[in-house]
PDB file of all heavy atoms in Angstrom:
ATOM      1  N   SER A   1       0.669  32.248 -47.772  1.00  0.00           N
ATOM      2  CA  SER A   1      -0.148  31.614 -48.862  1.00  0.00           C
ATOM      3  C   SER A   1      -0.804  30.411 -48.386  1.00  0.00           C
ATOM      4  O   SER A   1      -0.275  29.601 -47.540  1.00  0.00           O
ATOM      5  CB  SER A   1       0.832  31.355 -49.990  1.00  0.00           C
ATOM      6  OG  SER A   1       0.131  30.649 -51.085  1.00  0.00           O
ATOM      7  N   THR A   2      -1.978  30.176 -48.922  1.00  0.00           N
ATOM      8  CA  THR A   2      -2.612  28.906 -48.648  1.00  0.00           C
ATOM      9  C   THR A   2      -2.986  28.128 -49.979  1.00  0.00           C
ATOM     10  O   THR A   2      -3.604  27.117 -49.897  1.00  0.00           O
ATOM     11  CB  THR A   2      -4.096  29.233 -47.932  1.00  0.00           C
ATOM     12  OG1 THR A   2      -4.791  30.071 -48.742  1.00  0.00           O
ATOM     13  CG2 THR A   2      -3.800  29.911 -46.559  1.00  0.00           C
ATOM     14  N   ASP A   3      -2.448  28.598 -51.024  1.00  0.00           N
ATOM     15  CA  ASP A   3      -2.562  27.842 -52.305  1.00  0.00           C
ATOM     16  C   ASP A   3      -1.311  27.525 -53.017  1.00  0.00           C
ATOM     17  O   ASP A   3      -1.217  27.590 -54.312  1.00  0.00           O
ATOM     18  CB  ASP A   3      -3.517  28.738 -53.136  1.00  0.00           C
ATOM     19  CG  ASP A   3      -2.983  30.123 -53.512  1.00  0.00           C
ATOM     20  OD1 ASP A   3      -1.799  30.386 -53.182  1.00  0.00           O
ATOM     21  OD2 ASP A   3      -3.735  30.908 -54.042  1.00  0.00           O
ATOM     22  N   GLY A   4      -0.332  27.212 -52.258  1.00  0.00           N
ATOM     23  CA  GLY A   4       1.006  26.774 -52.803  1.00  0.00           C
ATOM     24  C   GLY A   4       1.872  27.915 -53.380  1.00  0.00           C
ATOM     25  O   GLY A   4       2.795  27.737 -54.162  1.00  0.00           O
ATOM     26  N   GLY A   5       1.555  29.216 -52.986  1.00  0.00           N
ATOM     27  CA  GLY A   5       2.308  30.345 -53.491  1.00  0.00           C
ATOM     28  C   GLY A   5       1.769  31.082 -54.641  1.00  0.00           C
ATOM     29  O   GLY A   5       2.414  32.035 -55.178  1.00  0.00           O
ATOM     30  N   THR A   6       0.601  30.665 -55.069  1.00  0.00           N
ATOM     31  CA  THR A   6      -0.025  31.388 -56.192  1.00  0.00           C
ATOM     32  C   THR A   6      -0.476  32.799 -55.708  1.00  0.00           C
ATOM     33  O   THR A   6      -0.246  33.868 -56.373  1.00  0.00           O
ATOM     34  CB  THR A   6      -1.233  30.651 -56.791  1.00  0.00           C
ATOM     35  OG1 THR A   6      -0.827  29.422 -57.280  1.00  0.00           O
ATOM     36  CG2 THR A   6      -1.922  31.470 -57.965  1.00  0.00           C
ATOM     37  N   ASN A   7      -1.142  32.898 -54.567  1.00  0.00           N
ATOM     38  CA  ASN A   7      -1.519  34.177 -53.992  1.00  0.00           C
ATOM     39  C   ASN A   7      -0.910  34.237 -52.556  1.00  0.00           C
ATOM     40  O   ASN A   7      -0.718  33.288 -51.864  1.00  0.00           O
ATOM     41  CB  ASN A   7      -3.034  34.268 -53.803  1.00  0.00           C
ATOM     42  CG  ASN A   7      -3.753  34.252 -55.256  1.00  0.00           C
ATOM     43  OD1 ASN A   7      -3.664  35.227 -55.869  1.00  0.00           O
ATOM     44  ND2 ASN A   7      -4.270  33.118 -55.557  1.00  0.00           N
ATOM     45  N   TRP A   8      -0.525  35.525 -52.168  1.00  0.00           N
ATOM     46  CA  TRP A   8       0.154  35.759 -50.884  1.00  0.00           C
ATOM     47  C   TRP A   8      -0.661  36.788 -50.313  1.00  0.00           C
ATOM     48  O   TRP A   8      -0.986  37.837 -50.803  1.00  0.00           O
ATOM     49  CB  TRP A   8       1.649  36.286 -51.129  1.00  0.00           C
ATOM     50  CG  TRP A   8       2.427  35.202 -51.688  1.00  0.00           C
ATOM     51  CD1 TRP A   8       2.828  35.044 -52.938  1.00  0.00           C
ATOM     52  CD2 TRP A   8       3.046  34.204 -50.814  1.00  0.00           C
ATOM     53  NE1 TRP A   8       3.599  33.841 -53.095  1.00  0.00           N
ATOM     54  CE2 TRP A   8       3.890  33.452 -51.847  1.00  0.00           C
ATOM     55  CE3 TRP A   8       3.171  33.885 -49.571  1.00  0.00           C
ATOM     56  CZ2 TRP A   8       4.631  32.339 -51.418  1.00  0.00           C
ATOM     57  CZ3 TRP A   8       3.910  32.738 -49.152  1.00  0.00           C
ATOM     58  CH2 TRP A   8       4.718  32.019 -50.016  1.00  0.00           C
ATOM     59  N   TYR A   9      -0.997  36.631 -48.785  1.00  0.00           N
ATOM     60  CA  TYR A   9      -1.813  37.343 -48.126  1.00  0.00           C
ATOM     61  C   TYR A   9      -1.133  38.052 -47.061  1.00  0.00           C
ATOM     62  O   TYR A   9      -0.113  37.543 -46.418  1.00  0.00           O
ATOM     63  CB  TYR A   9      -2.914  36.555 -47.515  1.00  0.00           C
ATOM     64  CG  TYR A   9      -3.840  35.829 -48.527  1.00  0.00           C
ATOM     65  CD1 TYR A   9      -3.629  34.546 -48.871  1.00  0.00           C
ATOM     66  CD2 TYR A   9      -4.822  36.469 -49.226  1.00  0.00           C
ATOM     67  CE1 TYR A   9      -4.276  33.861 -49.866  1.00  0.00           C
ATOM     68  CE2 TYR A   9      -5.590  35.878 -50.254  1.00  0.00           C
ATOM     69  CZ  TYR A   9      -5.330  34.546 -50.513  1.00  0.00           C
ATOM     70  OH  TYR A   9      -6.048  33.881 -51.557  1.00  0.00           O
ATOM     71  N   THR A  10      -1.641  39.205 -46.596  1.00  0.00           N
ATOM     72  CA  THR A  10      -1.166  39.961 -45.423  1.00  0.00           C
ATOM     73  C   THR A  10       0.465  40.014 -45.423  1.00  0.00           C
ATOM     74  O   THR A  10       1.131  39.660 -44.508  1.00  0.00           O
ATOM     75  CB  THR A  10      -1.524  39.083 -44.133  1.00  0.00           C
ATOM     76  OG1 THR A  10      -2.907  38.820 -44.141  1.00  0.00           O
ATOM     77  CG2 THR A  10      -1.425  40.110 -42.821  1.00  0.00           C
ATOM     78  N   GLU A  11       0.839  40.670 -46.532  1.00  0.00           N
ATOM     79  CA  GLU A  11       2.350  40.936 -46.555  1.00  0.00           C
ATOM     80  C   GLU A  11       2.651  42.133 -45.586  1.00  0.00           C
ATOM     81  O   GLU A  11       2.011  43.147 -45.679  1.00  0.00           O
ATOM     82  CB  GLU A  11       2.810  41.352 -48.002  1.00  0.00           C
ATOM     83  CG  GLU A  11       4.287  41.619 -48.080  1.00  0.00           C
ATOM     84  CD  GLU A  11       4.732  41.862 -49.535  1.00  0.00           C
ATOM     85  OE1 GLU A  11       4.359  42.931 -50.061  1.00  0.00           O
ATOM     86  OE2 GLU A  11       5.563  40.957 -50.013  1.00  0.00           O
ATOM     87  N   ARG A  12       3.555  41.868 -44.714  1.00  0.00           N
ATOM     88  CA  ARG A  12       3.905  42.957 -43.766  1.00  0.00           C
ATOM     89  C   ARG A  12       5.422  43.274 -43.819  1.00  0.00           C
ATOM     90  O   ARG A  12       6.163  42.427 -43.972  1.00  0.00           O
ATOM     91  CB  ARG A  12       3.647  42.428 -42.302  1.00  0.00           C
ATOM     92  CG  ARG A  12       3.997  43.507 -41.269  1.00  0.00           C
ATOM     93  CD  ARG A  12       3.842  42.908 -39.914  1.00  0.00           C
ATOM     94  NE  ARG A  12       4.474  43.565 -38.940  1.00  0.00           N
ATOM     95  CZ  ARG A  12       4.728  43.242 -37.661  1.00  0.00           C
ATOM     96  NH1 ARG A  12       4.353  42.112 -37.177  1.00  0.00           N
ATOM     97  NH2 ARG A  12       5.481  44.007 -36.815  1.00  0.00           N
ATOM     98  N   MET A  13       5.727  44.617 -43.905  1.00  0.00           N
ATOM     99  CA  MET A  13       7.038  45.046 -43.827  1.00  0.00           C
ATOM    100  C   MET A  13       7.468  44.919 -42.331  1.00  0.00           C
ATOM    101  O   MET A  13       6.983  45.651 -41.406  1.00  0.00           O
ATOM    102  CB  MET A  13       7.194  46.497 -44.210  1.00  0.00           C
ATOM    103  CG  MET A  13       8.656  46.923 -44.343  1.00  0.00           C
ATOM    104  SD  MET A  13       8.789  48.716 -44.793  1.00  0.00           S
ATOM    105  CE  MET A  13       8.385  49.470 -43.136  1.00  0.00           C
ATOM    106  N   ILE A  14       8.525  44.028 -42.150  1.00  0.00           N
ATOM    107  CA  ILE A  14       8.909  43.806 -40.801  1.00  0.00           C
ATOM    108  C   ILE A  14       9.803  44.859 -40.261  1.00  0.00           C
ATOM    109  O   ILE A  14       9.610  45.441 -39.143  1.00  0.00           O
ATOM    110  CB  ILE A  14       9.678  42.445 -40.780  1.00  0.00           C
ATOM    111  CG1 ILE A  14       8.715  41.220 -41.035  1.00  0.00           C
ATOM    112  CG2 ILE A  14      10.201  42.152 -39.335  1.00  0.00           C
ATOM    113  CD1 ILE A  14       7.500  41.116 -40.192  1.00  0.00           C
ATOM    114  N   ASP A  15      10.837  45.274 -41.075  1.00  0.00           N
ATOM    115  CA  ASP A  15      11.736  46.323 -40.672  1.00  0.00           C
ATOM    116  C   ASP A  15      12.690  46.710 -41.871  1.00  0.00           C
ATOM    117  O   ASP A  15      12.850  45.980 -42.786  1.00  0.00           O
ATOM    118  CB  ASP A  15      12.681  45.863 -39.464  1.00  0.00           C
ATOM    119  CG  ASP A  15      13.138  47.035 -38.526  1.00  0.00           C
ATOM    120  OD1 ASP A  15      13.003  48.263 -38.993  1.00  0.00           O
ATOM    121  OD2 ASP A  15      13.611  46.782 -37.473  1.00  0.00           O
ATOM    122  N   VAL A  16      13.222  47.783 -41.670  1.00  0.00           N
ATOM    123  CA  VAL A  16      14.385  48.325 -42.637  1.00  0.00           C
ATOM    124  C   VAL A  16      15.624  48.160 -41.910  1.00  0.00           C
ATOM    125  O   VAL A  16      15.895  48.745 -40.817  1.00  0.00           O
ATOM    126  CB  VAL A  16      14.132  49.799 -43.014  1.00  0.00           C
ATOM    127  CG1 VAL A  16      15.231  50.247 -43.959  1.00  0.00           C
ATOM    128  CG2 VAL A  16      12.680  49.865 -43.630  1.00  0.00           C
ATOM    129  N   PHE A  17      16.542  47.298 -42.472  1.00  0.00           N
ATOM    130  CA  PHE A  17      17.865  47.138 -41.852  1.00  0.00           C
ATOM    131  C   PHE A  17      18.922  47.788 -42.613  1.00  0.00           C
ATOM    132  O   PHE A  17      19.080  47.860 -43.814  1.00  0.00           O
ATOM    133  CB  PHE A  17      18.207  45.583 -41.958  1.00  0.00           C
ATOM    134  CG  PHE A  17      17.359  44.713 -41.046  1.00  0.00           C
ATOM    135  CD1 PHE A  17      16.139  44.158 -41.611  1.00  0.00           C
ATOM    136  CD2 PHE A  17      17.593  44.516 -39.880  1.00  0.00           C
ATOM    137  CE1 PHE A  17      15.310  43.422 -40.879  1.00  0.00           C
ATOM    138  CE2 PHE A  17      16.742  43.650 -39.034  1.00  0.00           C
ATOM    139  CZ  PHE A  17      15.604  43.229 -39.520  1.00  0.00           C
ATOM    140  N   GLN A  18      19.674  48.730 -41.747  1.00  0.00           N
ATOM    141  CA  GLN A  18      20.764  49.529 -42.450  1.00  0.00           C
ATOM    142  C   GLN A  18      22.128  48.698 -42.398  1.00  0.00           C
ATOM    143  O   GLN A  18      22.095  47.674 -41.856  1.00  0.00           O
ATOM    144  CB  GLN A  18      20.984  50.670 -41.487  1.00  0.00           C
ATOM    145  CG  GLN A  18      19.776  51.609 -41.339  1.00  0.00           C
ATOM    146  CD  GLN A  18      19.129  52.117 -42.585  1.00  0.00           C
ATOM    147  OE1 GLN A  18      19.939  52.495 -43.581  1.00  0.00           O
ATOM    148  NE2 GLN A  18      17.906  52.330 -42.659  1.00  0.00           N
ATOM    149  N   ASN A  19      23.024  49.188 -43.235  1.00  0.00           N
ATOM    150  CA  ASN A  19      24.325  48.526 -43.424  1.00  0.00           C
ATOM    151  C   ASN A  19      25.146  48.899 -42.214  1.00  0.00           C
ATOM    152  O   ASN A  19      26.183  49.561 -42.332  1.00  0.00           O
ATOM    153  CB  ASN A  19      24.916  48.878 -44.730  1.00  0.00           C
ATOM    154  CG  ASN A  19      25.845  47.873 -45.211  1.00  0.00           C
ATOM    155  OD1 ASN A  19      26.609  47.272 -44.472  1.00  0.00           O
ATOM    156  ND2 ASN A  19      25.935  47.660 -46.528  1.00  0.00           N
ATOM    157  N   GLN A  20      24.825  48.226 -41.095  1.00  0.00           N
ATOM    158  CA  GLN A  20      25.512  48.512 -39.848  1.00  0.00           C
ATOM    159  C   GLN A  20      25.234  47.402 -38.852  1.00  0.00           C
ATOM    160  O   GLN A  20      24.341  46.565 -39.103  1.00  0.00           O
ATOM    161  CB  GLN A  20      25.211  49.783 -39.246  1.00  0.00           C
ATOM    162  CG  GLN A  20      23.738  49.986 -38.901  1.00  0.00           C
ATOM    163  CD  GLN A  20      23.317  51.423 -38.494  1.00  0.00           C
ATOM    164  OE1 GLN A  20      23.916  52.303 -38.974  1.00  0.00           O
ATOM    165  NE2 GLN A  20      22.292  51.508 -37.714  1.00  0.00           N
ATOM    166  N   THR A  21      26.021  47.295 -37.805  1.00  0.00           N
ATOM    167  CA  THR A  21      25.786  46.212 -36.750  1.00  0.00           C
ATOM    168  C   THR A  21      24.638  46.729 -35.828  1.00  0.00           C
ATOM    169  O   THR A  21      24.663  47.781 -35.265  1.00  0.00           O
ATOM    170  CB  THR A  21      27.084  46.120 -35.908  1.00  0.00           C
ATOM    171  OG1 THR A  21      28.089  45.642 -36.779  1.00  0.00           O
ATOM    172  CG2 THR A  21      26.838  45.036 -34.908  1.00  0.00           C
ATOM    173  N   THR A  22      23.660  45.871 -35.709  1.00  0.00           N
ATOM    174  CA  THR A  22      22.652  46.103 -34.696  1.00  0.00           C
ATOM    175  C   THR A  22      22.353  44.924 -33.921  1.00  0.00           C
ATOM    176  O   THR A  22      22.673  43.710 -34.346  1.00  0.00           O
ATOM    177  CB  THR A  22      21.316  46.443 -35.491  1.00  0.00           C
ATOM    178  OG1 THR A  22      20.912  45.291 -36.332  1.00  0.00           O
ATOM    179  CG2 THR A  22      21.460  47.649 -36.397  1.00  0.00           C
ATOM    180  N   PRO A  23      21.834  44.967 -32.758  1.00  0.00           N
ATOM    181  CA  PRO A  23      21.675  43.796 -31.909  1.00  0.00           C
ATOM    182  C   PRO A  23      20.417  42.961 -32.357  1.00  0.00           C
ATOM    183  O   PRO A  23      19.562  43.598 -33.099  1.00  0.00           O
ATOM    184  CB  PRO A  23      21.447  44.385 -30.383  1.00  0.00           C
ATOM    185  CG  PRO A  23      20.819  45.792 -30.640  1.00  0.00           C
ATOM    186  CD  PRO A  23      21.607  46.219 -32.001  1.00  0.00           C
ATOM    187  N   PHE A  24      20.333  41.753 -31.871  1.00  0.00           N
ATOM    188  CA  PHE A  24      19.089  41.006 -32.195  1.00  0.00           C
ATOM    189  C   PHE A  24      17.854  41.770 -31.567  1.00  0.00           C
ATOM    190  O   PHE A  24      17.940  42.257 -30.493  1.00  0.00           O
ATOM    191  CB  PHE A  24      19.228  39.708 -31.584  1.00  0.00           C
ATOM    192  CG  PHE A  24      19.757  38.624 -32.573  1.00  0.00           C
ATOM    193  CD1 PHE A  24      20.876  37.898 -32.183  1.00  0.00           C
ATOM    194  CD2 PHE A  24      19.080  38.422 -33.796  1.00  0.00           C
ATOM    195  CE1 PHE A  24      21.409  36.944 -33.072  1.00  0.00           C
ATOM    196  CE2 PHE A  24      19.702  37.489 -34.621  1.00  0.00           C
ATOM    197  CZ  PHE A  24      20.839  36.727 -34.297  1.00  0.00           C
ATOM    198  N   LYS A  25      16.736  41.771 -32.317  1.00  0.00           N
ATOM    199  CA  LYS A  25      15.546  42.297 -32.008  1.00  0.00           C
ATOM    200  C   LYS A  25      14.456  41.335 -32.307  1.00  0.00           C
ATOM    201  O   LYS A  25      14.519  40.640 -33.252  1.00  0.00           O
ATOM    202  CB  LYS A  25      15.255  43.627 -32.671  1.00  0.00           C
ATOM    203  CG  LYS A  25      13.897  44.270 -32.286  1.00  0.00           C
ATOM    204  CD  LYS A  25      13.747  45.558 -33.208  1.00  0.00           C
ATOM    205  CE  LYS A  25      12.319  46.173 -32.884  1.00  0.00           C
ATOM    206  NZ  LYS A  25      12.166  47.380 -33.638  1.00  0.00           N
ATOM    207  N   GLU A  26      13.382  41.155 -31.351  1.00  0.00           N
ATOM    208  CA  GLU A  26      12.437  40.173 -31.634  1.00  0.00           C
ATOM    209  C   GLU A  26      11.335  40.860 -32.469  1.00  0.00           C
ATOM    210  O   GLU A  26      10.895  41.966 -32.168  1.00  0.00           O
ATOM    211  CB  GLU A  26      11.858  39.629 -30.297  1.00  0.00           C
ATOM    212  CG  GLU A  26      10.790  38.527 -30.456  1.00  0.00           C
ATOM    213  CD  GLU A  26      10.207  38.029 -29.289  1.00  0.00           C
ATOM    214  OE1 GLU A  26       9.515  38.822 -28.469  1.00  0.00           O
ATOM    215  OE2 GLU A  26      10.297  36.805 -28.960  1.00  0.00           O
ATOM    216  N   TYR A  27      10.814  40.103 -33.436  1.00  0.00           N
ATOM    217  CA  TYR A  27       9.768  40.499 -34.255  1.00  0.00           C
ATOM    218  C   TYR A  27       8.618  39.502 -34.151  1.00  0.00           C
ATOM    219  O   TYR A  27       8.763  38.276 -33.974  1.00  0.00           O
ATOM    220  CB  TYR A  27      10.175  40.640 -35.648  1.00  0.00           C
ATOM    221  CG  TYR A  27      11.233  41.834 -35.921  1.00  0.00           C
ATOM    222  CD1 TYR A  27      12.682  41.435 -35.882  1.00  0.00           C
ATOM    223  CD2 TYR A  27      10.928  43.094 -36.131  1.00  0.00           C
ATOM    224  CE1 TYR A  27      13.564  42.415 -36.012  1.00  0.00           C
ATOM    225  CE2 TYR A  27      11.837  44.037 -36.280  1.00  0.00           C
ATOM    226  CZ  TYR A  27      13.196  43.684 -36.221  1.00  0.00           C
ATOM    227  OH  TYR A  27      14.226  44.662 -36.412  1.00  0.00           O
ATOM    228  N   LYS A  28       7.366  40.085 -34.425  1.00  0.00           N
ATOM    229  CA  LYS A  28       6.177  39.148 -34.460  1.00  0.00           C
ATOM    230  C   LYS A  28       5.328  39.385 -35.651  1.00  0.00           C
ATOM    231  O   LYS A  28       5.115  40.556 -36.110  1.00  0.00           O
ATOM    232  CB  LYS A  28       5.336  39.391 -33.141  1.00  0.00           C
ATOM    233  CG  LYS A  28       4.232  38.452 -33.040  1.00  0.00           C
ATOM    234  CD  LYS A  28       3.359  38.657 -31.824  1.00  0.00           C
ATOM    235  CE  LYS A  28       2.195  37.766 -31.678  1.00  0.00           C
ATOM    236  NZ  LYS A  28       1.218  38.070 -30.536  1.00  0.00           N
ATOM    237  N   TYR A  29       4.805  38.386 -36.229  1.00  0.00           N
ATOM    238  CA  TYR A  29       3.863  38.425 -37.273  1.00  0.00           C
ATOM    239  C   TYR A  29       2.771  37.478 -37.132  1.00  0.00           C
ATOM    240  O   TYR A  29       2.875  36.331 -36.781  1.00  0.00           O
ATOM    241  CB  TYR A  29       4.661  37.977 -38.550  1.00  0.00           C
ATOM    242  CG  TYR A  29       3.745  37.746 -39.905  1.00  0.00           C
ATOM    243  CD1 TYR A  29       3.422  38.761 -40.714  1.00  0.00           C
ATOM    244  CD2 TYR A  29       3.363  36.438 -40.243  1.00  0.00           C
ATOM    245  CE1 TYR A  29       2.545  38.560 -41.791  1.00  0.00           C
ATOM    246  CE2 TYR A  29       2.583  36.220 -41.357  1.00  0.00           C
ATOM    247  CZ  TYR A  29       2.297  37.262 -42.220  1.00  0.00           C
ATOM    248  OH  TYR A  29       1.469  37.083 -43.304  1.00  0.00           O
TER     249      TYR A  29
END
């Protein structure tokens, strides 16, 4: 957001996390 949170831009789904142990993974936005 560039207006204090009134509008949000370029929302991206990063990942779906399951209820289990997973190793760290690097993500980029």
